[in-house]
Protein backbone atom coordinates (compact mmCIF):
# COMPACT_ATOMS: atom_id res chain seq x y z
CA MET A 1 169.23 85.22 93.51
CA PRO A 2 165.76 87.09 95.49
CA ILE A 3 163.50 88.77 93.00
CA LEU A 4 164.12 91.96 92.17
CA ILE A 5 161.58 94.96 93.00
CA ASN A 6 159.36 95.66 89.42
CA VAL A 7 160.21 92.09 88.18
CA LEU A 8 157.11 90.29 86.93
CA LEU A 9 159.40 87.52 85.57
CA ARG A 10 163.14 86.03 85.84
CA LEU A 11 165.50 83.62 84.32
CA GLU A 12 168.35 82.54 85.52
CA ASN A 13 170.90 81.16 83.25
CA VAL A 14 167.91 78.61 81.88
CA SER A 15 169.40 75.76 79.62
CA LYS A 16 167.39 73.30 78.07
CA ALA A 17 168.93 70.33 75.13
CA PHE A 18 167.19 67.97 72.93
CA GLY A 19 169.62 65.23 72.42
CA GLY A 20 172.71 67.30 70.92
CA VAL A 21 171.30 70.27 70.31
CA LYS A 22 171.21 72.68 72.79
CA ALA A 23 168.30 75.02 72.27
CA VAL A 24 168.58 77.04 74.86
CA GLN A 25 172.19 78.22 76.74
CA ASP A 26 172.52 79.96 80.15
CA CYS A 27 169.71 82.37 79.00
CA GLU A 28 168.63 85.11 81.55
CA PHE A 29 166.68 87.93 81.20
CA SER A 30 163.63 89.66 83.19
CA ILE A 31 160.47 91.11 82.20
CA GLU A 32 158.45 94.09 84.12
CA PRO A 33 155.13 94.47 84.90
CA LYS A 34 152.79 97.03 82.88
CA ARG A 35 155.41 97.08 79.68
CA ILE A 36 155.52 95.37 76.06
CA THR A 37 158.55 93.21 75.98
CA ALA A 38 159.46 91.80 72.56
CA LEU A 39 161.60 88.29 71.81
CA ILE A 40 163.29 88.15 68.96
CA GLY A 41 165.39 86.45 66.82
CA PRO A 42 166.27 84.07 63.70
CA ASN A 43 164.58 81.13 63.27
CA GLY A 44 165.74 78.46 65.23
CA ALA A 45 167.60 81.09 67.85
CA GLY A 46 165.40 79.43 70.93
CA LYS A 47 162.56 82.26 71.39
CA THR A 48 159.24 79.39 71.49
CA THR A 49 161.35 76.89 73.03
CA VAL A 50 161.74 79.27 75.84
CA PHE A 51 158.05 80.22 76.08
CA ASN A 52 157.72 76.25 76.37
CA LEU A 53 159.91 76.45 79.39
CA VAL A 54 158.28 79.62 81.00
CA CYS A 55 154.54 77.90 80.61
CA GLY A 56 155.94 74.39 81.70
CA PHE A 57 155.43 72.44 78.35
CA PHE A 58 159.44 71.72 78.58
CA PRO A 59 161.53 70.81 81.96
CA VAL A 60 164.50 72.79 82.11
CA ASP A 61 167.69 71.34 81.95
CA ALA A 62 169.43 73.72 84.21
CA GLY A 63 168.42 77.28 85.87
CA MET A 64 165.68 79.03 87.81
CA ILE A 65 162.31 80.31 86.90
CA HIS A 66 160.64 83.07 88.81
CA PHE A 67 157.21 84.43 88.29
CA THR A 68 155.95 87.18 90.79
CA ASP A 69 157.28 86.14 94.15
CA GLU A 70 157.37 82.46 92.97
CA GLU A 71 159.84 79.71 91.95
CA ILE A 72 157.95 77.99 89.49
CA THR A 73 161.35 76.03 87.34
CA HIS A 74 159.63 72.62 88.46
CA ALA A 75 155.84 73.80 89.05
CA PRO A 76 153.09 71.68 86.84
CA ILE A 77 151.08 73.77 83.86
CA TRP A 78 148.01 74.01 85.73
CA LYS A 79 149.81 75.82 88.30
CA ARG A 80 151.43 78.49 86.60
CA SER A 81 148.08 78.95 84.76
CA ARG A 82 146.64 79.56 88.27
CA LEU A 83 149.73 81.63 89.20
CA GLY A 84 148.62 83.87 86.06
CA LEU A 85 150.55 82.92 82.82
CA ALA A 86 148.60 83.23 79.98
CA ARG A 87 149.75 82.12 76.45
CA THR A 88 148.90 81.82 72.83
CA PHE A 89 150.39 79.55 70.35
CA GLN A 90 151.73 80.16 66.63
CA LEU A 91 149.05 77.94 65.68
CA SER A 92 145.36 78.03 67.05
CA ARG A 93 144.47 75.27 69.60
CA THR A 94 140.65 74.96 70.36
CA PHE A 95 138.27 72.13 70.62
CA LYS A 96 136.86 71.75 67.18
CA ASN A 97 133.73 69.77 67.89
CA LEU A 98 132.80 73.35 70.27
CA SER A 99 131.28 76.69 69.28
CA ILE A 100 133.34 80.09 69.93
CA GLU A 101 131.54 81.03 73.37
CA ASP A 102 132.18 77.34 74.50
CA ASN A 103 135.72 77.28 73.61
CA LEU A 104 135.91 80.42 75.62
CA LEU A 105 133.60 79.28 78.18
CA LEU A 106 136.82 77.02 79.44
CA SER A 107 139.29 79.68 80.04
CA VAL A 108 136.62 81.37 82.02
CA ARG A 109 136.74 78.14 83.99
CA GLN A 110 139.96 77.24 84.41
CA ASP A 111 139.83 75.13 87.37
CA ASP A 112 140.64 71.04 86.59
CA ASP A 113 138.09 70.30 88.48
CA GLN A 114 135.58 71.96 86.92
CA PHE A 115 136.73 71.26 83.28
CA PHE A 116 136.57 67.43 83.89
CA ALA A 117 132.46 68.62 85.03
CA MET A 118 131.99 70.20 82.39
CA CYS A 119 133.35 67.39 79.78
CA LEU A 120 130.95 65.50 82.11
CA ARG A 121 127.72 67.58 82.46
CA GLY A 122 127.91 69.83 79.48
CA LEU A 123 128.65 73.90 79.48
CA GLY A 124 125.97 75.25 81.32
CA LYS A 125 126.80 79.00 81.57
CA ASP A 126 125.45 81.92 83.35
CA ASP A 127 124.43 85.38 82.10
CA GLN A 128 127.44 86.97 83.63
CA GLU A 129 129.76 84.14 81.70
CA LYS A 130 128.31 85.10 78.55
CA GLN A 131 128.16 88.83 78.80
CA GLN A 132 131.81 88.75 79.65
CA ILE A 133 132.83 86.22 76.76
CA LEU A 134 130.67 88.97 74.24
CA GLU A 135 132.40 92.01 75.53
CA MET A 136 136.05 90.88 75.01
CA MET A 137 135.04 89.66 71.72
CA LYS A 138 133.98 92.71 71.21
CA PHE A 139 136.61 94.63 72.62
CA VAL A 140 139.27 92.51 70.19
CA GLY A 141 137.18 92.79 67.29
CA LEU A 142 135.72 89.29 66.83
CA GLU A 143 132.40 90.12 65.09
CA LYS A 144 131.17 86.60 65.13
CA SER A 145 128.11 85.35 66.62
CA PRO A 146 129.38 83.20 69.95
CA GLN A 147 127.29 80.01 68.59
CA THR A 148 129.30 80.17 65.34
CA PRO A 149 131.81 76.78 65.23
CA VAL A 150 135.14 77.34 65.75
CA THR A 151 136.11 75.61 62.95
CA GLU A 152 134.30 78.46 60.75
CA LEU A 153 136.64 80.96 61.84
CA SER A 154 139.16 82.51 59.42
CA TYR A 155 143.44 82.48 60.05
CA GLY A 156 142.64 85.97 61.41
CA GLN A 157 139.95 85.50 63.29
CA GLN A 158 141.65 82.75 64.86
CA LYS A 159 144.33 84.78 65.47
CA LEU A 160 141.71 87.57 67.31
CA PHE A 161 140.19 84.09 68.95
CA ASP A 162 143.83 83.48 70.40
CA LEU A 163 144.31 86.79 72.05
CA THR A 164 140.39 86.30 73.67
CA ARG A 165 140.61 82.92 75.17
CA ALA A 166 144.21 84.46 76.71
CA LEU A 167 142.74 87.21 77.97
CA LEU A 168 139.83 85.80 79.37
CA ASN A 169 141.94 83.71 81.30
CA PRO A 170 142.75 85.20 84.63
CA HIS A 171 146.54 86.18 84.07
CA THR A 172 148.81 88.91 85.33
CA LEU A 173 151.47 88.51 82.11
CA LEU A 174 150.26 87.45 78.52
CA MET A 175 152.46 85.35 76.62
CA LEU A 176 152.04 86.09 72.82
CA ASP A 177 153.47 83.85 70.03
CA GLU A 178 153.72 85.55 67.16
CA PRO A 179 150.35 87.06 67.27
CA ILE A 180 150.70 88.75 63.77
CA ALA A 181 152.37 86.16 61.81
CA GLY A 182 150.19 85.62 58.76
CA ILE A 183 147.83 88.34 59.02
CA ASN A 184 146.50 91.10 56.58
CA PRO A 185 148.14 94.82 57.03
CA VAL A 186 144.26 96.09 58.31
CA LEU A 187 144.45 93.22 61.22
CA ARG A 188 147.96 94.15 61.74
CA GLU A 189 147.13 96.92 62.72
CA ARG A 190 144.17 96.22 64.75
CA PHE A 191 146.23 94.09 67.12
CA LYS A 192 149.08 97.18 67.06
CA GLU A 193 145.69 99.33 68.43
CA LEU A 194 145.03 96.41 71.18
CA LEU A 195 148.45 95.88 72.41
CA LEU A 196 149.01 99.73 72.98
CA SER A 197 145.61 99.74 74.45
CA LEU A 198 145.79 96.90 76.93
CA LYS A 199 149.05 98.51 78.49
CA GLN A 200 147.74 101.23 78.80
CA LYS A 201 145.05 99.06 80.69
CA GLY A 202 148.24 97.89 83.32
CA GLU A 203 148.92 94.92 80.96
CA THR A 204 152.36 92.73 80.86
CA ILE A 205 152.63 91.58 77.41
CA PHE A 206 155.81 89.20 76.17
CA LEU A 207 155.31 88.36 72.97
CA ILE A 208 157.74 86.31 70.17
CA GLU A 209 157.82 88.53 66.65
CA HIS A 210 159.56 88.69 63.84
CA ASP A 211 157.69 91.67 62.46
CA MET A 212 160.20 94.40 63.11
CA ASP A 213 158.59 97.53 62.16
CA PHE A 214 155.12 96.20 64.44
CA VAL A 215 158.44 95.32 67.06
CA ARG A 216 159.01 98.80 67.32
CA ALA A 217 155.77 100.58 67.05
CA VAL A 218 154.88 98.48 70.33
CA ALA A 219 157.51 97.56 72.35
CA ASP A 220 159.22 99.22 75.45
CA TRP A 221 162.20 96.63 75.56
CA VAL A 222 163.31 94.18 72.99
CA ILE A 223 165.37 90.70 74.01
CA VAL A 224 167.54 89.70 71.42
CA MET A 225 168.49 85.84 71.04
CA ASP A 226 170.68 84.10 68.82
CA GLN A 227 171.76 80.41 68.87
CA GLY A 228 169.81 79.72 72.37
CA SER A 229 171.60 82.61 74.58
CA VAL A 230 170.57 86.01 74.66
CA LEU A 231 172.82 88.41 72.38
CA THR A 232 171.55 92.23 73.52
CA GLN A 233 169.00 93.64 74.85
CA GLY A 234 167.25 97.22 75.73
CA ALA A 235 165.48 100.05 74.05
CA PRO A 236 164.02 99.19 70.34
CA GLN A 237 165.56 101.79 68.86
CA THR A 238 169.37 100.45 70.13
CA VAL A 239 168.68 97.04 69.82
CA LEU A 240 166.99 97.24 66.26
CA SER A 241 170.46 98.68 64.73
CA ASP A 242 173.11 96.82 66.66
CA PRO A 243 175.42 95.39 63.82
CA ARG A 244 175.36 92.47 66.08
CA VAL A 245 171.55 91.98 65.75
CA LEU A 246 171.53 92.55 61.82
CA GLU A 247 174.04 89.98 61.28
CA ALA A 248 172.66 87.35 63.41
CA TYR A 249 169.72 87.87 60.90
CA LEU A 250 171.00 88.56 57.94
CA GLY A 251 174.68 86.82 58.46
CA PRO A 252 177.93 88.47 58.37
CA THR A 253 178.64 91.24 55.74
CA LEU A 254 181.72 91.16 53.51
């Protein structure tokens, strides 16, 4: 099937099983550019598995994945990253023996050959890279010295760090896996402002989130998964009042 106009990411009948467990079944949806799309559903619905399939952490069993104008179904992770996929995780993944700045530098310099050269020779950095890192930290509100060991970040600061790192990675699609899980209301509001600001700047954001109030506040489009398949999708005000969605989350009513 050809890529549709104004579609950045498209999944076509994608399936993935782990042993006898069908984690994703015939999953099909598309992500349009310059808007925020939320992927929601109860625990175990297959949301993070979909993210992992898109990013290449798991191979698909069936179906196809297109990103921009390329099929990436079997592309390696590094190629997907270079094509413009940037992602955060539920739990922060860092090089714990490095500073904030050095961790972020690895996102600025995403080439594989540069990465291994840096590991062997050290992380020399120029003023332009330092300034880029400082500006992005300031934009997200990560108020720490760049020389701070990454292990000294609080949980909320780790979430801001993850967003900073994803934004520094040259990208076309920003994928956020539960960006506000476990954070306080003040930081939650900060994330809302950040995502809306990024959309105004032309960013395309695809996020997994369980907080329905947050989804309602930021999302332009909502895709609902249940038991590995897309249950429904549409505008937030329509989807979040759909009886099928309420039943998927709360179970059948008597």
